[in-house]
Amino acid sequence: MYVTQAGWKSEIFQVTVGFLPDWAKGTALGLVALGFLTLWTVKLKRKLAYHRAVRSGQPIPAAARYAQGRGTDYLGSYAPQPRPDDTSA
């Protein structure tokens, strides 16, 4: 018989919340859920603002763009220099 094991995230959560009294476990679970909802709401709000700006034709600064490119695009003088494509092969 195959028994599934809990993931490492749920194990960490159980260990962290396991020492709390019952009334605090509910509060901790509520705070975690509130945190996820807040992050999701902020992400959705930024995405909607981006789409509104695109539809209205407003310029979008590089830091506010949705789905940015690679991290090396924003490293400035620390970014590696692009190599020319070698098509002579």
C-alpha atoms as a PDB file:
ATOM      1  CA  MET A   1       0.000   0.000   0.000  1.00  0.00           C
ATOM      2  CA  TYR A   2       1.300   3.456  -0.950  1.00  0.00           C
ATOM      3  CA  VAL A   3       1.087   6.156   1.708  1.00  0.00           C
ATOM      4  CA  THR A   4       1.527   9.734   0.584  1.00  0.00           C
ATOM      5  CA  GLN A   5       3.756  11.895   2.696  1.00  0.00           C
ATOM      6  CA  ALA A   6       3.025  15.482   3.588  1.00  0.00           C
ATOM      7  CA  GLY A   7       4.945  18.126   1.696  1.00  0.00           C
ATOM      8  CA  TRP A   8       7.672  20.112   3.385  1.00  0.00           C
ATOM      9  CA  LYS A   9       5.523  23.246   3.428  1.00  0.00           C
ATOM     10  CA  SER A  10       2.718  21.564   5.340  1.00  0.00           C
ATOM     11  CA  GLU A  11       5.232  19.975   7.725  1.00  0.00           C
ATOM     12  CA  ILE A  12       6.734  23.389   8.521  1.00  0.00           C
ATOM     13  CA  PHE A  13       3.265  24.841   9.040  1.00  0.00           C
ATOM     14  CA  GLN A  14       2.234  21.992  11.366  1.00  0.00           C
ATOM     15  CA  VAL A  15       5.413  22.299  13.428  1.00  0.00           C
ATOM     16  CA  THR A  16       5.044  26.067  13.648  1.00  0.00           C
ATOM     17  CA  VAL A  17       1.380  26.003  14.642  1.00  0.00           C
ATOM     18  CA  GLY A  18       1.565  22.758  16.644  1.00  0.00           C
ATOM     19  CA  PHE A  19       2.750  24.366  19.862  1.00  0.00           C
ATOM     20  CA  LEU A  20      -0.038  26.964  19.908  1.00  0.00           C
ATOM     21  CA  PRO A  21      -3.253  26.547  21.928  1.00  0.00           C
ATOM     22  CA  ASP A  22      -6.433  25.741  20.003  1.00  0.00           C
ATOM     23  CA  TRP A  23      -7.761  29.307  19.985  1.00  0.00           C
ATOM     24  CA  ALA A  24      -4.481  30.607  18.549  1.00  0.00           C
ATOM     25  CA  LYS A  25      -4.374  27.966  15.805  1.00  0.00           C
ATOM     26  CA  GLY A  26      -7.551  29.365  14.284  1.00  0.00           C
ATOM     27  CA  THR A  27      -6.160  32.882  14.486  1.00  0.00           C
ATOM     28  CA  ALA A  28      -2.888  31.821  12.858  1.00  0.00           C
ATOM     29  CA  LEU A  29      -4.728  30.043  10.053  1.00  0.00           C
ATOM     30  CA  GLY A  30      -6.895  33.128   9.531  1.00  0.00           C
ATOM     31  CA  LEU A  31      -3.836  35.394   9.353  1.00  0.00           C
ATOM     32  CA  VAL A  32      -2.157  33.127   6.806  1.00  0.00           C
ATOM     33  CA  ALA A  33      -5.314  33.102   4.680  1.00  0.00           C
ATOM     34  CA  LEU A  34      -5.586  36.899   4.994  1.00  0.00           C
ATOM     35  CA  GLY A  35      -1.969  37.239   3.879  1.00  0.00           C
ATOM     36  CA  PHE A  36      -2.545  35.146   0.762  1.00  0.00           C
ATOM     37  CA  LEU A  37      -5.718  37.064  -0.089  1.00  0.00           C
ATOM     38  CA  THR A  38      -3.891  40.369   0.342  1.00  0.00           C
ATOM     39  CA  LEU A  39      -1.042  39.295  -1.935  1.00  0.00           C
ATOM     40  CA  TRP A  40      -3.502  38.022  -4.534  1.00  0.00           C
ATOM     41  CA  THR A  41      -5.487  41.276  -4.395  1.00  0.00           C
ATOM     42  CA  VAL A  42      -2.373  43.444  -4.822  1.00  0.00           C
ATOM     43  CA  LYS A  43      -1.206  41.323  -7.746  1.00  0.00           C
ATOM     44  CA  LEU A  44      -4.615  41.541  -9.412  1.00  0.00           C
ATOM     45  CA  LYS A  45      -4.812  45.301  -8.833  1.00  0.00           C
ATOM     46  CA  ARG A  46      -1.391  45.851 -10.458  1.00  0.00           C
ATOM     47  CA  LYS A  47      -2.321  43.649 -13.389  1.00  0.00           C
ATOM     48  CA  LEU A  48      -5.549  45.561 -13.984  1.00  0.00           C
ATOM     49  CA  ALA A  49      -3.750  48.918 -13.741  1.00  0.00           C
ATOM     50  CA  TYR A  50      -1.205  47.696 -16.285  1.00  0.00           C
ATOM     51  CA  HIS A  51      -3.902  46.604 -18.723  1.00  0.00           C
ATOM     52  CA  ARG A  52      -5.751  49.922 -18.333  1.00  0.00           C
ATOM     53  CA  ALA A  53      -2.532  51.834 -19.061  1.00  0.00           C
ATOM     54  CA  VAL A  54      -1.855  49.719 -22.147  1.00  0.00           C
ATOM     55  CA  ARG A  55      -5.396  50.253 -23.476  1.00  0.00           C
ATOM     56  CA  SER A  56      -5.235  54.003 -22.940  1.00  0.00           C
ATOM     57  CA  GLY A  57      -1.859  54.282 -24.684  1.00  0.00           C
ATOM     58  CA  GLN A  58       0.013  55.667 -21.686  1.00  0.00           C
ATOM     59  CA  PRO A  59       3.750  54.998 -21.477  1.00  0.00           C
ATOM     60  CA  ILE A  60       4.616  52.408 -18.860  1.00  0.00           C
ATOM     61  CA  PRO A  61       7.870  52.745 -16.888  1.00  0.00           C
ATOM     62  CA  ALA A  62      10.161  49.715 -16.969  1.00  0.00           C
ATOM     63  CA  ALA A  63       9.745  49.048 -13.235  1.00  0.00           C
ATOM     64  CA  ALA A  64       5.942  48.873 -13.534  1.00  0.00           C
ATOM     65  CA  ARG A  65       5.700  46.611 -16.547  1.00  0.00           C
ATOM     66  CA  TYR A  66       3.780  43.389 -16.233  1.00  0.00           C
ATOM     67  CA  ALA A  67       5.723  40.212 -17.095  1.00  0.00           C
ATOM     68  CA  GLN A  68       9.150  41.805 -17.233  1.00  0.00           C
ATOM     69  CA  GLY A  69      11.980  40.257 -19.177  1.00  0.00           C
ATOM     70  CA  ARG A  70      15.093  38.630 -17.805  1.00  0.00           C
ATOM     71  CA  GLY A  71      16.729  40.030 -14.692  1.00  0.00           C
ATOM     72  CA  THR A  72      19.822  40.981 -16.669  1.00  0.00           C
ATOM     73  CA  ASP A  73      17.731  43.581 -18.494  1.00  0.00           C
ATOM     74  CA  TYR A  74      17.622  45.653 -15.282  1.00  0.00           C
ATOM     75  CA  LEU A  75      21.182  45.284 -13.947  1.00  0.00           C
ATOM     76  CA  GLY A  76      22.459  48.430 -15.628  1.00  0.00           C
ATOM     77  CA  SER A  77      26.251  48.578 -15.790  1.00  0.00           C
ATOM     78  CA  TYR A  78      26.469  45.203 -13.993  1.00  0.00           C
ATOM     79  CA  ALA A  79      24.632  43.364 -16.764  1.00  0.00           C
ATOM     80  CA  PRO A  80      26.753  41.004 -18.867  1.00  0.00           C
ATOM     81  CA  GLN A  81      27.581  42.341 -22.302  1.00  0.00           C
ATOM     82  CA  PRO A  82      25.548  40.740 -25.105  1.00  0.00           C
ATOM     83  CA  ARG A  83      27.541  38.441 -27.331  1.00  0.00           C
ATOM     84  CA  PRO A  84      27.209  38.822 -31.093  1.00  0.00           C
ATOM     85  CA  ASP A  85      25.520  35.869 -32.734  1.00  0.00           C
ATOM     86  CA  ASP A  86      28.032  33.576 -34.366  1.00  0.00           C
ATOM     87  CA  THR A  87      26.384  32.590 -37.650  1.00  0.00           C
ATOM     88  CA  SER A  88      29.596  31.624 -39.485  1.00  0.00           C
ATOM     89  CA  ALA A  89      29.429  28.004 -38.336  1.00  0.00           C
END
